[in-house]
N, C-alpha and C. Protein backbone atom coordinates (compact mmCIF):
# COMPACT_ATOMS: atom_id res chain seq x y z
N UNK A 1 -41.62 -12.39 -26.32
CA UNK A 1 -42.45 -11.70 -26.11
C UNK A 1 -42.59 -10.58 -27.22
N UNK A 2 -41.64 -9.73 -27.58
CA UNK A 2 -40.99 -9.18 -28.56
C UNK A 2 -41.73 -9.18 -29.65
N UNK A 3 -41.96 -10.23 -30.53
CA UNK A 3 -42.80 -10.54 -31.67
C UNK A 3 -44.29 -10.36 -31.25
N UNK A 4 -45.04 -10.92 -30.12
CA UNK A 4 -46.14 -10.66 -29.89
C UNK A 4 -46.30 -9.06 -29.97
N UNK A 5 -45.64 -8.74 -29.19
CA UNK A 5 -45.90 -6.98 -28.94
C UNK A 5 -45.91 -6.44 -30.48
N UNK A 6 -45.16 -6.72 -31.17
CA UNK A 6 -45.21 -6.09 -32.48
C UNK A 6 -46.25 -6.55 -33.17
N UNK A 7 -46.88 -7.88 -33.26
CA UNK A 7 -48.04 -8.02 -33.89
C UNK A 7 -48.99 -7.39 -33.36
N UNK A 8 -48.82 -7.11 -32.24
CA UNK A 8 -50.23 -6.48 -31.34
C UNK A 8 -49.81 -4.91 -31.97
N UNK A 9 -49.37 -4.57 -32.18
CA UNK A 9 -48.94 -3.11 -32.74
C UNK A 9 -49.18 -2.91 -34.07
N UNK A 10 -48.68 -3.92 -34.81
CA UNK A 10 -49.20 -3.82 -36.35
C UNK A 10 -50.72 -4.27 -36.21
N UNK A 11 -51.40 -4.78 -35.39
CA UNK A 11 -52.88 -4.77 -35.74
C UNK A 11 -53.50 -3.39 -36.48
N UNK A 12 -54.21 -3.54 -37.20
CA UNK A 12 -55.34 -2.05 -38.07
C UNK A 12 -55.90 -1.34 -36.97
N UNK A 13 -56.08 -1.96 -36.43
CA UNK A 13 -56.94 -1.56 -34.66
C UNK A 13 -56.00 -0.61 -33.78
N UNK A 14 -54.99 -0.90 -33.67
CA UNK A 14 -54.05 -0.28 -32.95
C UNK A 14 -53.84 1.21 -33.40
N UNK A 15 -52.88 1.22 -34.58
CA UNK A 15 -53.23 2.52 -35.35
C UNK A 15 -53.94 3.37 -35.89
N UNK A 16 -55.41 2.40 -35.95
CA UNK A 16 -56.88 3.03 -36.02
C UNK A 16 -57.23 4.28 -34.72
N UNK A 17 -56.74 3.35 -33.92
CA UNK A 17 -57.06 4.02 -32.65
C UNK A 17 -56.13 4.92 -32.21
N UNK A 18 -54.88 4.89 -32.48
CA UNK A 18 -53.83 5.95 -32.43
C UNK A 18 -54.34 7.47 -33.46
N UNK A 19 -54.27 6.97 -34.20
CA UNK A 19 -55.21 8.19 -35.12
C UNK A 19 -56.07 8.64 -34.60
N UNK A 20 -57.37 8.02 -34.27
CA UNK A 20 -58.20 8.71 -33.88
C UNK A 20 -58.49 9.79 -32.61
N UNK A 21 -56.85 8.97 -31.58
CA UNK A 21 -56.55 9.97 -30.43
C UNK A 21 -56.22 11.20 -31.29
N UNK A 22 -55.07 11.20 -32.07
CA UNK A 22 -54.27 12.62 -32.67
C UNK A 22 -55.35 13.62 -32.97
N UNK A 23 -56.27 12.72 -33.92
CA UNK A 23 -57.13 13.44 -34.04
C UNK A 23 -58.48 14.13 -34.02
N UNK A 24 -59.02 13.27 -32.48
CA UNK A 24 -59.67 13.88 -31.06
C UNK A 24 -59.26 14.63 -30.29
N UNK A 25 -58.03 14.57 -30.29
CA UNK A 25 -57.38 16.14 -29.63
C UNK A 25 -56.91 16.97 -30.55
N UNK A 26 -56.57 16.72 -31.62
CA UNK A 26 -57.17 18.04 -32.71
C UNK A 26 -58.28 19.29 -33.19
N UNK A 27 -59.28 17.85 -33.01
CA UNK A 27 -60.76 18.27 -32.86
C UNK A 27 -60.98 19.00 -31.88
N UNK A 28 -60.74 18.76 -30.43
CA UNK A 28 -60.88 19.01 -29.16
C UNK A 28 -60.32 20.33 -28.84
N UNK A 29 -59.42 20.89 -29.49
CA UNK A 29 -58.74 21.72 -29.31
C UNK A 29 -59.92 23.25 -30.38
N UNK A 30 -60.19 22.64 -31.54
CA UNK A 30 -60.58 23.61 -32.33
C UNK A 30 -61.94 24.00 -31.67
N UNK A 31 -62.58 22.27 -31.26
CA UNK A 31 -64.33 22.51 -30.68
C UNK A 31 -63.96 23.77 -29.48
N UNK A 32 -63.13 23.67 -28.71
CA UNK A 32 -62.49 24.84 -27.55
C UNK A 32 -62.39 26.31 -27.28
N UNK A 33 -61.86 25.86 -28.75
CA UNK A 33 -61.64 27.34 -29.40
C UNK A 33 -62.89 27.79 -29.91
N UNK A 34 -63.50 27.11 -30.38
CA UNK A 34 -64.74 27.72 -31.15
C UNK A 34 -66.13 27.79 -29.86
N UNK A 35 -65.81 27.37 -28.50
CA UNK A 35 -66.90 27.49 -27.43
C UNK A 35 -66.55 28.68 -26.72
N UNK A 36 -65.32 28.32 -26.46
CA UNK A 36 -64.21 29.98 -25.80
C UNK A 36 -64.39 31.51 -26.79
N UNK A 37 -64.34 31.02 -28.08
CA UNK A 37 -64.45 32.47 -28.51
C UNK A 37 -65.64 33.31 -28.93
N UNK A 38 -66.43 31.57 -29.66
CA UNK A 38 -67.56 32.19 -30.25
C UNK A 38 -68.93 32.23 -29.22
N UNK A 39 -68.95 31.23 -29.05
CA UNK A 39 -69.93 30.53 -27.97
C UNK A 39 -70.43 31.37 -26.83
N UNK A 40 -68.91 31.33 -26.31
CA UNK A 40 -69.30 31.93 -24.16
C UNK A 40 -69.30 33.03 -24.14
N UNK A 41 -68.65 33.73 -25.25
CA UNK A 41 -69.50 35.80 -25.21
C UNK A 41 -70.36 36.05 -24.74
N UNK A 42 -71.19 35.61 -26.01
CA UNK A 42 -72.48 35.84 -25.94
C UNK A 42 -73.03 35.31 -24.60
N UNK A 43 -72.42 34.34 -24.16
CA UNK A 43 -73.33 33.94 -22.77
C UNK A 43 -73.33 34.59 -21.96
N UNK A 44 -72.34 35.00 -21.75
CA UNK A 44 -71.65 35.94 -20.81
C UNK A 44 -72.11 36.88 -20.48
N UNK A 45 -72.41 37.73 -21.71
CA UNK A 45 -73.23 38.56 -21.90
C UNK A 45 -74.40 38.32 -21.45
N UNK A 46 -75.25 37.29 -21.39
CA UNK A 46 -76.43 37.29 -20.72
C UNK A 46 -76.38 36.77 -19.46
N UNK A 47 -75.51 36.19 -19.38
CA UNK A 47 -75.74 35.70 -18.31
C UNK A 47 -75.25 37.37 -16.71
N UNK A 48 -74.78 38.49 -17.27
CA UNK A 48 -74.13 39.84 -16.51
C UNK A 48 -72.84 39.40 -16.05
N UNK A 49 -72.07 38.86 -17.18
CA UNK A 49 -70.78 38.53 -16.90
C UNK A 49 -70.43 37.94 -15.35
N UNK A 50 -71.21 37.00 -14.77
CA UNK A 50 -70.69 36.09 -13.32
C UNK A 50 -69.76 35.62 -14.01
N UNK A 51 -69.03 34.97 -13.33
CA UNK A 51 -67.71 34.54 -13.10
C UNK A 51 -67.37 33.51 -12.40
N UNK A 52 -68.51 31.92 -12.21
CA UNK A 52 -68.89 31.38 -11.23
C UNK A 52 -67.65 30.37 -10.31
N UNK A 53 -66.15 30.64 -11.55
CA UNK A 53 -65.12 30.23 -10.86
C UNK A 53 -64.61 30.57 -9.85
N UNK A 54 -65.34 32.36 -9.69
CA UNK A 54 -64.85 32.61 -8.18
C UNK A 54 -65.38 32.33 -6.73
N UNK A 55 -66.69 31.40 -7.06
CA UNK A 55 -67.55 31.34 -5.97
C UNK A 55 -66.77 30.23 -5.26
N UNK A 56 -67.22 30.24 -3.96
CA UNK A 56 -66.23 29.14 -3.13
C UNK A 56 -66.85 29.20 -1.37
N UNK A 57 -66.93 28.66 -0.69
CA UNK A 57 -67.60 28.66 0.76
C UNK A 57 -66.42 28.25 1.52
N UNK A 58 -65.99 28.77 3.00
CA UNK A 58 -64.98 28.75 3.23
C UNK A 58 -64.85 27.80 4.72
N UNK A 59 -64.03 26.49 4.81
CA UNK A 59 -64.98 25.37 5.95
C UNK A 59 -63.82 25.92 6.65
N UNK A 60 -62.99 26.75 6.91
CA UNK A 60 -62.82 26.92 8.31
C UNK A 60 -61.80 28.39 8.77
N UNK A 61 -62.56 28.72 9.25
CA UNK A 61 -62.90 30.40 9.08
C UNK A 61 -61.84 30.57 10.16
N UNK A 62 -61.44 29.47 10.86
CA UNK A 62 -59.85 30.33 12.02
C UNK A 62 -58.90 30.61 11.53
N UNK A 63 -58.62 29.97 10.24
CA UNK A 63 -57.22 31.09 9.09
C UNK A 63 -57.59 32.00 8.81
N UNK A 64 -58.77 32.81 8.89
CA UNK A 64 -58.90 34.12 8.10
C UNK A 64 -60.44 34.11 6.98
N UNK A 65 -61.10 34.65 6.53
CA UNK A 65 -61.73 34.88 5.29
C UNK A 65 -61.24 35.11 4.43
N UNK A 66 -60.86 34.39 2.99
CA UNK A 66 -60.22 34.98 2.52
C UNK A 66 -61.07 35.61 1.26
N UNK A 67 -60.13 36.76 0.68
CA UNK A 67 -61.50 37.40 -0.41
C UNK A 67 -61.72 37.11 -1.80
N UNK A 68 -60.93 35.93 -1.79
CA UNK A 68 -60.61 35.14 -3.03
C UNK A 68 -60.33 33.84 -2.70
N UNK A 69 -60.47 33.13 -4.16
CA UNK A 69 -59.97 31.86 -4.41
C UNK A 69 -58.86 31.54 -3.98
N UNK A 70 -57.84 32.67 -4.81
CA UNK A 70 -56.30 32.67 -4.87
C UNK A 70 -56.03 32.79 -3.66
N UNK A 71 -56.33 33.93 -3.23
CA UNK A 71 -55.99 34.46 -1.76
C UNK A 71 -56.05 32.78 -1.14
N UNK A 72 -57.36 31.98 -0.76
CA UNK A 72 -57.07 31.03 0.22
C UNK A 72 -56.50 29.92 0.09
N UNK A 73 -55.96 29.90 -1.75
CA UNK A 73 -55.05 28.76 -2.38
C UNK A 73 -53.41 28.99 -1.43
N UNK A 74 -53.22 30.29 -1.65
CA UNK A 74 -52.22 30.51 -1.44
C UNK A 74 -51.85 30.88 -0.11
N UNK A 75 -53.19 30.97 1.33
CA UNK A 75 -53.19 30.68 2.49
C UNK A 75 -53.46 29.44 3.08
N UNK A 76 -53.48 28.47 2.25
CA UNK A 76 -53.98 26.90 2.55
C UNK A 76 -55.06 27.48 3.57
N UNK A 77 -55.97 28.27 2.96
CA UNK A 77 -57.73 27.94 3.85
C UNK A 77 -58.47 26.94 3.12
N UNK A 78 -59.18 26.01 3.93
CA UNK A 78 -59.62 25.28 2.75
C UNK A 78 -60.69 25.79 3.01
N UNK A 79 -61.36 25.62 1.17
CA UNK A 79 -62.24 25.93 1.04
C UNK A 79 -63.01 25.02 -0.43
N UNK A 80 -64.68 24.95 -0.31
CA UNK A 80 -65.36 24.09 -1.40
C UNK A 80 -65.67 24.80 -2.25
N UNK A 81 -64.78 25.13 -3.10
CA UNK A 81 -64.59 25.63 -4.38
C UNK A 81 -66.00 24.94 -5.38
N UNK A 82 -67.35 25.48 -5.21
CA UNK A 82 -68.64 24.88 -6.11
C UNK A 82 -68.53 25.63 -6.96
N UNK A 83 -67.55 26.90 -7.55
CA UNK A 83 -68.14 27.77 -8.98
C UNK A 83 -67.32 27.08 -10.29
N UNK A 84 -65.95 26.21 -9.53
CA UNK A 84 -65.09 25.91 -10.26
C UNK A 84 -66.34 24.38 -11.26
N UNK A 85 -67.11 24.08 -10.46
CA UNK A 85 -67.69 22.67 -10.80
C UNK A 85 -68.87 23.13 -11.93
N UNK A 86 -69.26 24.08 -11.04
CA UNK A 86 -70.52 24.45 -12.47
C UNK A 86 -69.76 25.06 -12.89
N UNK A 87 -68.55 25.80 -13.47
CA UNK A 87 -68.00 26.24 -14.35
C UNK A 87 -67.93 25.30 -14.84
N UNK A 88 -67.42 24.19 -15.03
CA UNK A 88 -66.92 23.09 -15.69
C UNK A 88 -68.43 22.14 -16.08
N UNK A 89 -69.29 22.16 -15.58
CA UNK A 89 -70.65 21.34 -15.86
C UNK A 89 -70.61 22.48 -17.10
N UNK A 90 -70.69 23.70 -17.43
CA UNK A 90 -71.66 24.38 -18.05
C UNK A 90 -70.62 24.51 -19.45
N UNK A 91 -69.40 24.30 -18.91
CA UNK A 91 -68.97 24.03 -20.46
C UNK A 91 -68.68 23.11 -21.08
N UNK A 92 -69.05 22.08 -20.21
CA UNK A 92 -68.98 20.69 -20.72
C UNK A 92 -70.43 21.11 -21.55
N UNK A 93 -71.62 21.03 -20.87
CA UNK A 93 -72.89 21.26 -21.52
C UNK A 93 -73.01 22.06 -23.17
N UNK A 94 -72.41 22.70 -23.00
CA UNK A 94 -72.08 23.72 -24.80
C UNK A 94 -71.44 22.86 -25.00
N UNK A 95 -70.10 22.61 -24.74
CA UNK A 95 -68.64 21.21 -25.84
C UNK A 95 -70.02 20.65 -26.53
N UNK A 96 -70.16 19.91 -25.63
CA UNK A 96 -71.47 18.90 -25.74
C UNK A 96 -72.19 19.12 -26.79
N UNK A 97 -72.98 20.07 -26.82
CA UNK A 97 -73.89 20.46 -27.78
C UNK A 97 -73.44 21.42 -29.35
N UNK A 98 -72.05 22.01 -29.05
CA UNK A 98 -71.54 22.12 -30.37
C UNK A 98 -71.00 21.02 -30.85
N UNK A 99 -70.63 19.93 -30.37
CA UNK A 99 -69.75 18.90 -30.70
C UNK A 99 -71.70 18.08 -31.08
N UNK A 100 -72.58 18.00 -31.41
CA UNK A 100 -73.76 17.82 -30.90
C UNK A 100 -74.36 18.24 -32.51
N UNK A 101 -74.14 19.53 -32.62
CA UNK A 101 -74.51 20.05 -34.14
C UNK A 101 -73.12 19.93 -34.89
N UNK A 102 -71.93 20.01 -34.98
CA UNK A 102 -71.23 19.59 -35.66
C UNK A 102 -71.10 18.39 -36.22
N UNK A 103 -71.76 16.98 -36.04
CA UNK A 103 -72.01 15.74 -35.48
C UNK A 103 -73.15 15.51 -36.15
N UNK A 104 -74.52 16.63 -36.07
CA UNK A 104 -75.81 16.63 -36.81
C UNK A 104 -75.70 16.72 -38.24
N UNK A 105 -74.92 17.99 -38.57
CA UNK A 105 -74.33 17.87 -39.90
C UNK A 105 -73.72 17.43 -40.94
N UNK A 106 -72.68 16.93 -39.91
CA UNK A 106 -71.88 16.13 -40.87
C UNK A 106 -72.39 14.40 -41.32
N UNK A 107 -73.35 14.43 -40.34
CA UNK A 107 -74.37 13.49 -40.66
C UNK A 107 -75.00 13.45 -41.64
N UNK A 108 -75.89 14.78 -41.90
CA UNK A 108 -76.91 14.99 -43.05
C UNK A 108 -75.66 15.43 -44.18
N UNK A 109 -74.69 15.58 -44.53
CA UNK A 109 -73.81 16.00 -45.38
C UNK A 109 -73.29 14.51 -46.02
N UNK A 110 -73.13 13.53 -44.82
CA UNK A 110 -72.24 12.81 -45.32
C UNK A 110 -73.59 11.53 -45.71
N UNK A 111 -74.94 11.52 -45.75
CA UNK A 111 -76.18 10.86 -45.80
C UNK A 111 -76.39 10.35 -46.91
N UNK A 112 -76.42 8.86 -47.38
CA UNK A 112 -76.47 7.84 -48.46
C UNK A 112 -78.04 8.33 -48.43
N UNK A 113 -77.59 8.31 -49.75
CA UNK A 113 -79.33 8.64 -50.65
C UNK A 113 -79.82 7.00 -50.28
N UNK A 114 -81.25 6.73 -49.83
CA UNK A 114 -82.00 5.04 -49.95
C UNK A 114 -81.47 4.70 -51.73
N UNK A 115 -81.63 3.29 -51.26
CA UNK A 115 -81.69 2.99 -52.64
C UNK A 115 -82.88 2.65 -52.97
N UNK A 116 -83.31 2.45 -54.21
CA UNK A 116 -84.65 2.24 -54.98
C UNK A 116 -84.46 0.63 -54.68
N UNK A 117 -85.47 -0.07 -54.43
CA UNK A 117 -85.77 -1.32 -54.41
C UNK A 117 -85.80 -1.86 -56.44
N UNK A 118 -84.74 -2.83 -55.53
CA UNK A 118 -84.77 -3.83 -57.52
C UNK A 118 -85.75 -4.68 -57.89
N UNK A 119 -86.25 -5.27 -56.42
CA UNK A 119 -87.06 -6.50 -56.59
C UNK A 119 -88.51 -6.15 -55.48
N UNK A 120 -89.38 -6.73 -56.00
CA UNK A 120 -90.47 -6.67 -55.57
C UNK A 120 -91.13 -8.13 -54.75
N UNK A 121 -92.46 -8.51 -54.10
CA UNK A 121 -92.72 -9.72 -53.87
C UNK A 121 -94.04 -9.78 -54.47
N UNK A 122 -93.97 -11.03 -54.90
CA UNK A 122 -95.15 -11.78 -55.92
C UNK A 122 -96.40 -11.67 -54.83
N UNK A 123 -97.46 -11.09 -55.50
CA UNK A 123 -98.45 -11.17 -54.36
C UNK A 123 -99.60 -12.56 -54.62
N UNK A 124 -99.20 -13.70 -55.07
CA UNK A 124 -99.64 -14.98 -55.14
C UNK A 124 -98.69 -15.70 -54.94
N UNK A 125 -97.35 -15.89 -55.24
CA UNK A 125 -96.07 -16.82 -54.59
C UNK A 125 -95.55 -16.14 -53.41
N UNK A 126 -94.76 -15.02 -53.12
CA UNK A 126 -94.43 -14.17 -52.31
C UNK A 126 -93.12 -14.42 -52.84
N UNK A 127 -92.39 -14.68 -53.97
CA UNK A 127 -91.41 -14.97 -54.61
C UNK A 127 -90.93 -13.48 -54.71
N UNK A 128 -89.70 -13.41 -54.80
CA UNK A 128 -88.91 -12.08 -55.41
C UNK A 128 -88.89 -11.95 -56.61
N UNK A 129 -89.01 -11.33 -57.20
CA UNK A 129 -88.90 -11.15 -58.42
C UNK A 129 -88.57 -9.20 -59.40
N UNK A 130 -88.35 -9.33 -59.89
CA UNK A 130 -87.65 -7.31 -60.29
C UNK A 130 -89.45 -6.55 -60.57
N UNK A 131 -88.19 -5.32 -60.34
CA UNK A 131 -89.58 -4.44 -59.83
C UNK A 131 -90.68 -4.27 -61.20
N UNK A 132 -89.95 -4.11 -62.27
CA UNK A 132 -90.36 -4.35 -63.76
C UNK A 132 -91.03 -5.24 -64.27
N UNK A 133 -91.30 -6.47 -63.69
CA UNK A 133 -91.52 -7.95 -64.42
C UNK A 133 -93.49 -7.66 -64.44
N UNK A 134 -93.61 -8.13 -65.51
CA UNK A 134 -95.06 -8.27 -65.56
C UNK A 134 -95.88 -9.92 -65.22
N UNK A 135 -95.03 -10.52 -65.38
CA UNK A 135 -95.31 -11.87 -64.81
C UNK A 135 -94.31 -12.72 -64.50
N UNK A 136 -94.74 -13.18 -62.87
CA UNK A 136 -93.80 -14.28 -62.09
C UNK A 136 -92.91 -15.32 -62.85
N UNK A 137 -92.29 -15.32 -62.38
CA UNK A 137 -90.71 -16.50 -63.62
C UNK A 137 -90.79 -18.06 -62.54
N UNK A 138 -91.87 -17.73 -61.05
CA UNK A 138 -91.80 -18.83 -60.52
C UNK A 138 -93.71 -19.59 -60.41
N UNK A 139 -94.27 -18.82 -60.33
CA UNK A 139 -95.81 -19.04 -60.72
C UNK A 139 -96.45 -18.90 -62.11
N UNK A 140 -95.78 -17.83 -62.57
CA UNK A 140 -96.20 -17.19 -63.58
C UNK A 140 -97.80 -16.30 -63.54
N UNK A 141 -97.55 -16.30 -62.38
CA UNK A 141 -99.22 -15.52 -62.67
C UNK A 141 -98.85 -13.74 -63.20
N UNK A 142 -99.99 -13.67 -63.98
CA UNK A 142 -100.08 -12.03 -64.15
C UNK A 142 -99.73 -11.09 -63.16
N UNK A 143 -98.90 -10.42 -63.44
CA UNK A 143 -99.06 -9.08 -62.44
C UNK A 143 -99.01 -7.57 -63.17
N UNK A 144 -99.46 -6.66 -62.54
CA UNK A 144 -99.91 -5.58 -62.72
C UNK A 144 -98.88 -4.28 -63.01
N UNK A 145 -98.62 -4.07 -64.57
CA UNK A 145 -97.76 -3.03 -64.97
C UNK A 145 -97.24 -2.44 -63.63
N UNK A 146 -96.00 -1.75 -63.51
CA UNK A 146 -95.42 -0.94 -62.66
C UNK A 146 -95.47 0.84 -62.98
């Protein structure tokens, strides 16, 4: 069993996955910092500084009505904290948009130029011939010069 485990760990896929997880965690911190420090402040300004995370509905008012979500948690009052969900959805959408823009730019930078074709099809016999050929090697038909 130890040999089998060692063989499993030594496979390239496991090592590549481990590297991807570590790099993904580091990249997540970078994107989180970008969103929290650069993207969220203008959005907060546009929404008038609304803090969705403090929105909640009291489910059991017999224990009193708390002034804040933190007070409800310390007193053990059951609440429906829908504001946290809204906040997380907004953060997810912003992070997804930022990651999309980063990946889009990365793909543009890393895009390979399309290879120019080196062969063409003979219009008479439909065999592949070099682009610069003036006569087909298969059917000896004369072709127009490129």
